[in-house]
Amino acid sequence: MTGTVYKSTGSWYLVKSEQVLYKCRIKGKFRLKGIKSTNPIAVGDKVDFDLETKNNEETGVITNIYERDNFIVRKSVNLSKQTHIIASNIDQVFLLITINNPPTFTTFIDRFLVSTRAYRIDTILVFNKIDSYEIEERGEILYLKDIYETIGYKCIEVSAKENTNVDLIKKMMLEKTSMFVGHSGVGKTTLVNAIDASLNLKTKEISDQHNQGKHTTTFAEMFDLNLENSQDARIIDTPGIKGFGVVDIDKEELGDYFPEFFALKQDCKFNNCIHVNEPKCAVKDALEEDTVSWSRYKSYLQILEGEEEHYRTDIWEKDQE
């Protein structure tokens, strides 16, 4: 039988085939094929499996994993030399961003965008909880939107509480497999419930002035959406991500995944310029002219130097100098 992995708990997988969910496990050999990932099978994978009956329970044994069209991968939390595949075979990702409660910083945003661009996955930036922000915080949203819209990313302001632009998100999800990603507490689950109330995913309250739902997802899981005019819309809900380590990108290629750097590359004196110490670098010239974002350049240097995402970038630093 052939199906799609809808949930992975590390040892068991829920695989959907012909509208039926089967509880499956994998053969040990999948863990011995040189796979560097901590999870050989991820949500979104297409797999073959055989059914077997033991103790009056019918379960499946996964025998084959099909080649992935794409996937989202990050460094494993506990094993720095290994990676963890969050999900695979994705049409688009919605990256949820909040200015506070909790804050999402540009280092996290930029690291995630590098990874999705490297694997050719469309990414939409969703500025969530817009109903809760004061004037200064609204200004910060506009500042961030200007940075990312200028380099080609679609940005949407959303409030699940007030149903702001929720229908727009729904429209974008028709006939696609979408993934929601962000820090714990940015309102992923609350927004998913606003998109399809029949899912009724669990949230829990957090003690802050905005009283928003905190993410309680433990494992990535895919759901079929009940949307009008669509019989084939799916969403992958993910655990809250604290940090995002970029993997498998060479230093010489990193700038290619910053679209504004890539656009200037041909104007650099050296064709192998990495935009750090080289003379007549078009990216550094653009920085001085404020046509390239300093926060983006700082993220680039941090990734280039192999630093972990252990500090927070102040996007206002350049303006305050």
Protein backbone atom coordinates (compact mmCIF):
# COMPACT_ATOMS: atom_id res chain seq x y z
CA MET A 1 0.00 0.00 0.00
CA THR A 2 1.08 3.60 -0.60
CA GLY A 3 0.24 6.54 1.63
CA THR A 4 1.33 9.87 3.11
CA VAL A 5 2.75 10.33 6.60
CA TYR A 6 0.40 12.54 8.61
CA LYS A 7 2.07 12.29 12.02
CA SER A 8 5.42 11.18 13.41
CA THR A 9 6.05 10.54 17.08
CA GLY A 10 9.56 9.19 16.62
CA SER A 11 8.71 5.50 16.84
CA TRP A 12 5.25 5.25 15.29
CA TYR A 13 3.79 6.99 12.25
CA LEU A 14 0.24 7.69 11.14
CA VAL A 15 0.02 7.03 7.40
CA LYS A 16 -3.05 7.96 5.37
CA SER A 17 -4.02 5.80 2.42
CA GLU A 18 -7.37 5.97 0.64
CA GLN A 19 -8.89 8.10 3.43
CA VAL A 20 -7.85 5.63 6.15
CA LEU A 21 -5.16 6.30 8.78
CA TYR A 22 -2.86 3.39 9.59
CA LYS A 23 -0.50 3.13 12.55
CA CYS A 24 2.89 2.17 11.11
CA ARG A 25 6.45 1.53 12.20
CA ILE A 26 9.66 1.30 10.21
CA LYS A 27 12.13 -1.46 9.64
CA GLY A 28 15.44 -1.03 11.41
CA LYS A 29 17.35 -0.84 8.12
CA PHE A 30 16.08 2.70 7.52
CA ARG A 31 18.16 3.83 10.47
CA LEU A 32 21.31 2.25 9.03
CA LYS A 33 21.46 3.78 5.56
CA GLY A 34 23.70 6.69 6.44
CA ILE A 35 20.79 9.04 7.02
CA LYS A 36 22.18 11.94 9.05
CA SER A 37 18.74 13.07 10.17
CA THR A 38 17.46 12.11 13.62
CA ASN A 39 14.17 11.17 11.95
CA PRO A 40 14.39 8.98 8.82
CA ILE A 41 10.70 9.59 8.08
CA ALA A 42 8.94 12.95 8.33
CA VAL A 43 5.43 14.29 8.05
CA GLY A 44 4.61 14.74 4.36
CA ASP A 45 6.69 11.77 3.18
CA LYS A 46 5.16 9.42 0.62
CA VAL A 47 5.79 5.82 1.67
CA ASP A 48 4.97 2.22 0.84
CA PHE A 49 3.87 -0.05 3.69
CA ASP A 50 2.68 -3.59 4.32
CA LEU A 51 -0.11 -4.44 6.74
CA GLU A 52 0.32 -7.08 9.44
CA THR A 53 -1.85 -8.31 12.30
CA LYS A 54 -0.44 -8.96 15.77
CA ASN A 55 -2.46 -9.49 18.94
CA ASN A 56 -5.63 -8.73 16.98
CA GLU A 57 -4.30 -5.30 15.98
CA GLU A 58 -3.66 -4.34 12.37
CA THR A 59 -0.60 -2.16 11.91
CA GLY A 60 1.72 -1.29 9.05
CA VAL A 61 5.41 -1.74 8.36
CA ILE A 62 6.95 0.97 6.17
CA THR A 63 9.06 -0.62 3.47
CA ASN A 64 9.97 2.29 1.18
CA ILE A 65 10.34 6.07 1.30
CA TYR A 66 9.83 7.97 -1.96
CA GLU A 67 12.21 10.74 -2.98
CA ARG A 68 11.18 14.07 -1.49
CA ASP A 69 10.33 17.09 -3.66
CA ASN A 70 11.63 19.31 -0.84
CA PHE A 71 11.84 19.46 2.94
CA ILE A 72 12.45 21.78 5.87
CA VAL A 73 15.46 20.78 7.93
CA ARG A 74 17.20 22.27 10.94
CA LYS A 75 19.94 21.29 13.35
CA SER A 76 18.85 18.76 15.92
CA VAL A 77 18.27 20.31 19.33
CA ASN A 78 20.17 17.66 21.26
CA LEU A 79 22.59 16.40 18.63
CA SER A 80 24.34 19.34 17.01
CA LYS A 81 26.01 17.22 14.32
CA GLN A 82 22.71 15.81 13.16
CA THR A 83 19.69 17.37 11.52
CA HIS A 84 15.98 17.10 12.08
CA ILE A 85 13.54 17.11 9.16
CA ILE A 86 10.48 19.09 10.22
CA ALA A 87 8.32 18.17 7.22
CA SER A 88 8.57 17.33 3.52
CA ASN A 89 6.76 17.78 0.19
CA ILE A 90 5.49 21.24 1.08
CA ASP A 91 3.93 23.74 -1.33
CA GLN A 92 4.32 26.78 0.92
CA VAL A 93 5.23 27.87 4.44
CA PHE A 94 3.56 30.52 6.56
CA LEU A 95 6.13 31.92 9.02
CA LEU A 96 4.23 33.47 11.93
CA ILE A 97 5.86 36.53 13.49
CA THR A 98 4.95 38.47 16.62
CA ILE A 99 6.58 41.68 17.84
CA ASN A 100 6.11 40.69 21.46
CA ASN A 101 4.36 37.93 23.40
CA PRO A 102 6.76 36.40 22.31
CA PRO A 103 9.17 38.54 20.24
CA THR A 104 10.35 37.18 16.89
CA PHE A 105 13.74 38.57 15.93
CA THR A 106 15.27 39.06 12.52
CA THR A 107 18.01 36.49 13.13
CA PHE A 108 15.36 33.76 13.35
CA ILE A 109 13.40 35.08 10.37
CA ASP A 110 16.47 35.32 8.16
CA ARG A 111 17.79 31.88 9.08
CA PHE A 112 14.45 30.33 8.26
CA LEU A 113 14.16 32.18 4.94
CA VAL A 114 17.64 31.01 3.91
CA SER A 115 16.61 27.41 4.49
CA THR A 116 13.29 27.62 2.64
CA ARG A 117 14.91 29.44 -0.28
CA ALA A 118 17.62 26.80 -0.49
CA TYR A 119 14.96 24.10 -0.81
CA ARG A 120 12.75 26.18 -3.18
CA ILE A 121 9.77 26.51 -0.85
CA ASP A 122 7.58 29.60 -1.10
CA THR A 123 7.42 31.43 2.23
CA ILE A 124 4.85 33.98 3.38
CA LEU A 125 5.52 36.16 6.43
CA VAL A 126 2.46 36.41 8.67
CA PHE A 127 2.51 39.21 11.25
CA ASN A 128 0.10 37.78 13.79
CA LYS A 129 -1.86 39.31 16.70
CA ILE A 130 -2.02 42.74 15.03
CA ASP A 131 -5.03 43.60 17.20
CA SER A 132 -2.79 43.67 20.29
CA TYR A 133 -0.14 46.21 19.25
CA GLU A 134 0.37 49.82 20.27
CA ILE A 135 1.53 52.56 17.88
CA GLU A 136 5.27 51.93 18.35
CA GLU A 137 4.84 48.21 17.76
CA ARG A 138 2.76 48.89 14.66
CA GLY A 139 5.65 50.99 13.41
CA GLU A 140 8.00 48.06 13.92
CA ILE A 141 5.71 45.83 11.85
CA LEU A 142 5.71 48.38 9.01
CA TYR A 143 9.51 48.59 9.23
CA LEU A 144 9.88 44.82 8.97
CA LYS A 145 7.34 44.57 6.17
CA ASP A 146 9.28 47.16 4.21
CA ILE A 147 12.49 45.13 4.60
CA TYR A 148 10.98 41.85 3.43
CA GLU A 149 8.51 43.08 0.82
CA THR A 150 11.32 45.02 -0.84
CA ILE A 151 13.23 41.79 -1.43
CA GLY A 152 10.20 39.91 -2.73
CA TYR A 153 8.51 38.23 0.23
CA LYS A 154 4.75 38.46 0.65
CA CYS A 155 3.77 39.85 4.08
CA ILE A 156 0.31 39.63 5.62
CA GLU A 157 -1.03 41.20 8.82
CA VAL A 158 -3.38 38.83 10.62
CA SER A 159 -5.55 38.69 13.71
CA ALA A 160 -7.29 35.40 14.42
CA LYS A 161 -9.16 37.09 17.27
CA GLU A 162 -10.71 39.72 14.99
CA ASN A 163 -10.71 37.52 11.87
CA THR A 164 -8.43 39.97 10.04
CA ASN A 165 -7.14 38.50 6.76
CA VAL A 166 -8.00 34.95 7.86
CA ASP A 167 -10.03 34.51 4.66
CA LEU A 168 -7.01 35.66 2.65
CA ILE A 169 -4.89 32.94 4.26
CA LYS A 170 -7.61 30.39 3.50
CA LYS A 171 -7.67 31.42 -0.17
CA MET A 172 -3.91 31.01 -0.41
CA MET A 173 -4.14 27.49 1.04
CA LEU A 174 -6.60 26.08 -1.50
CA GLU A 175 -5.32 22.94 -3.25
CA LYS A 176 -1.98 23.16 -1.44
CA THR A 177 -0.03 21.57 1.40
CA SER A 178 0.93 24.41 3.72
CA MET A 179 3.05 24.47 6.85
CA PHE A 180 2.76 26.87 9.80
CA VAL A 181 6.01 27.66 11.64
CA GLY A 182 7.08 30.02 14.41
CA HIS A 183 8.09 30.33 18.04
CA SER A 184 5.93 28.84 20.78
CA GLY A 185 3.18 31.30 21.64
CA VAL A 186 2.97 33.16 18.31
CA GLY A 187 -0.56 31.84 17.82
CA LYS A 188 -0.10 29.09 15.23
CA THR A 189 -2.73 26.79 16.70
CA THR A 190 -5.19 29.63 17.34
CA LEU A 191 -4.88 30.70 13.71
CA VAL A 192 -5.30 27.12 12.45
CA ASN A 193 -8.53 26.86 14.47
CA ALA A 194 -9.71 30.16 12.95
CA ILE A 195 -9.05 28.76 9.48
CA ASP A 196 -10.88 25.49 10.19
CA ALA A 197 -12.81 25.39 13.47
CA SER A 198 -13.65 21.71 12.97
CA LEU A 199 -10.03 20.79 13.78
CA ASN A 200 -10.41 22.16 17.32
CA LEU A 201 -6.70 21.92 18.09
CA LYS A 202 -5.64 22.45 21.67
CA THR A 203 -4.29 25.77 22.92
CA LYS A 204 -3.61 26.89 26.46
CA GLU A 205 -3.71 30.35 27.93
CA ILE A 206 -0.59 32.27 28.87
CA SER A 207 -0.55 34.90 31.58
CA ASP A 208 -0.01 38.08 29.63
CA GLN A 209 -2.04 41.15 28.81
CA HIS A 210 -3.11 39.82 25.41
CA ASN A 211 -4.31 36.43 26.68
CA GLN A 212 -3.35 34.57 23.51
CA GLY A 213 -3.17 30.82 23.00
CA LYS A 214 0.21 29.18 23.55
CA HIS A 215 1.27 26.41 21.20
CA THR A 216 0.94 22.95 22.72
CA THR A 217 1.95 20.88 19.70
CA THR A 218 4.51 18.20 20.57
CA PHE A 219 5.01 16.63 17.16
CA ALA A 220 4.48 17.88 13.63
CA GLU A 221 1.13 16.72 12.28
CA MET A 222 -0.75 17.15 9.02
CA PHE A 223 -4.48 17.78 8.82
CA ASP A 224 -6.94 17.82 5.94
CA LEU A 225 -8.72 21.16 5.87
CA ASN A 226 -12.44 21.58 5.49
CA LEU A 227 -12.45 24.63 3.22
CA GLU A 228 -15.07 25.73 0.73
CA ASN A 229 -14.20 25.15 -2.93
CA SER A 230 -11.29 22.86 -2.05
CA GLN A 231 -11.07 19.11 -1.67
CA ASP A 232 -7.29 19.00 -1.42
CA ALA A 233 -6.03 21.50 1.14
CA ARG A 234 -3.76 20.33 3.94
CA ILE A 235 -1.92 22.02 6.76
CA ILE A 236 1.12 20.87 8.71
CA ASP A 237 1.07 22.18 12.27
CA THR A 238 4.50 22.16 13.91
CA PRO A 239 5.95 22.43 17.42
CA GLY A 240 7.17 25.87 18.41
CA ILE A 241 10.77 26.38 17.28
CA LYS A 242 13.13 28.18 19.68
CA GLY A 243 16.00 28.57 17.23
CA PHE A 244 16.80 27.59 13.70
CA GLY A 245 20.23 26.32 12.68
CA VAL A 246 21.05 26.53 8.98
CA VAL A 247 22.64 23.37 7.60
CA ASP A 248 24.32 22.12 4.41
CA ILE A 249 24.98 25.51 2.81
CA ASP A 250 28.52 26.40 1.71
CA LYS A 251 29.91 29.81 2.61
CA GLU A 252 30.42 30.62 -1.07
CA GLU A 253 26.74 29.91 -1.77
CA LEU A 254 25.16 31.54 1.28
CA GLY A 255 24.78 34.96 -0.33
CA ASP A 256 22.76 33.40 -3.16
CA TYR A 257 19.98 32.68 -0.67
CA PHE A 258 19.73 36.36 0.28
CA PRO A 259 17.87 37.61 -2.83
CA GLU A 260 19.04 41.21 -2.42
CA PHE A 261 22.67 40.04 -2.24
CA PHE A 262 22.23 37.73 -5.21
CA ALA A 263 20.85 40.62 -7.29
CA LEU A 264 24.02 42.63 -6.60
CA LYS A 265 26.51 39.78 -7.00
CA GLN A 266 27.29 40.55 -10.64
CA ASP A 267 28.41 44.06 -9.67
CA CYS A 268 31.06 42.86 -7.21
CA LYS A 269 34.66 43.06 -8.41
CA PHE A 270 35.28 39.38 -7.66
CA ASN A 271 32.86 36.71 -8.83
CA ASN A 272 33.54 34.68 -5.67
CA CYS A 273 32.97 37.65 -3.34
CA ILE A 274 31.46 36.69 0.01
CA HIS A 275 30.76 40.34 0.89
CA VAL A 276 32.98 40.64 3.96
CA ASN A 277 36.53 41.95 3.36
CA GLU A 278 36.73 42.10 -0.43
CA PRO A 279 37.27 45.48 -2.13
CA LYS A 280 34.65 46.97 -4.45
CA CYS A 281 31.86 44.81 -3.03
CA ALA A 282 28.44 45.84 -4.31
CA VAL A 283 26.66 44.51 -1.21
CA LYS A 284 28.81 46.56 1.17
CA ASP A 285 28.33 49.62 -1.05
CA ALA A 286 24.56 49.08 -0.88
CA LEU A 287 24.78 48.82 2.91
CA GLU A 288 26.44 52.23 3.11
CA GLU A 289 23.74 53.63 0.84
CA ASP A 290 21.02 52.03 3.03
CA THR A 291 19.58 50.12 0.09
CA VAL A 292 20.35 46.81 1.82
CA SER A 293 19.11 46.12 5.35
CA TRP A 294 21.74 46.09 8.10
CA SER A 295 19.75 43.55 10.10
CA ARG A 296 19.81 41.20 7.11
CA TYR A 297 23.57 41.69 6.70
CA LYS A 298 24.14 40.96 10.40
CA SER A 299 22.14 37.74 10.04
CA TYR A 300 24.25 36.85 6.99
CA LEU A 301 27.50 37.36 8.91
CA GLN A 302 26.24 35.32 11.84
CA ILE A 303 25.38 32.38 9.59
CA LEU A 304 28.61 32.78 7.60
CA GLU A 305 30.71 32.64 10.77
CA GLY A 306 28.89 29.57 12.01
CA GLU A 307 27.48 31.25 15.09
CA GLU A 308 24.54 29.73 16.87
CA GLU A 309 21.37 31.75 17.21
CA HIS A 310 22.17 32.67 20.79
CA TYR A 311 21.58 36.41 20.77
CA ARG A 312 18.85 38.75 19.68
CA THR A 313 19.35 41.28 16.93
CA ASP A 314 18.00 44.75 17.55
CA ILE A 315 16.58 45.84 14.20
CA TRP A 316 16.66 49.45 15.31
CA GLU A 317 20.41 49.46 16.08
CA LYS A 318 21.42 51.05 12.78
CA ASP A 319 18.87 53.85 13.18
CA GLN A 320 20.06 54.62 16.72
CA GLU A 321 23.75 55.01 15.86
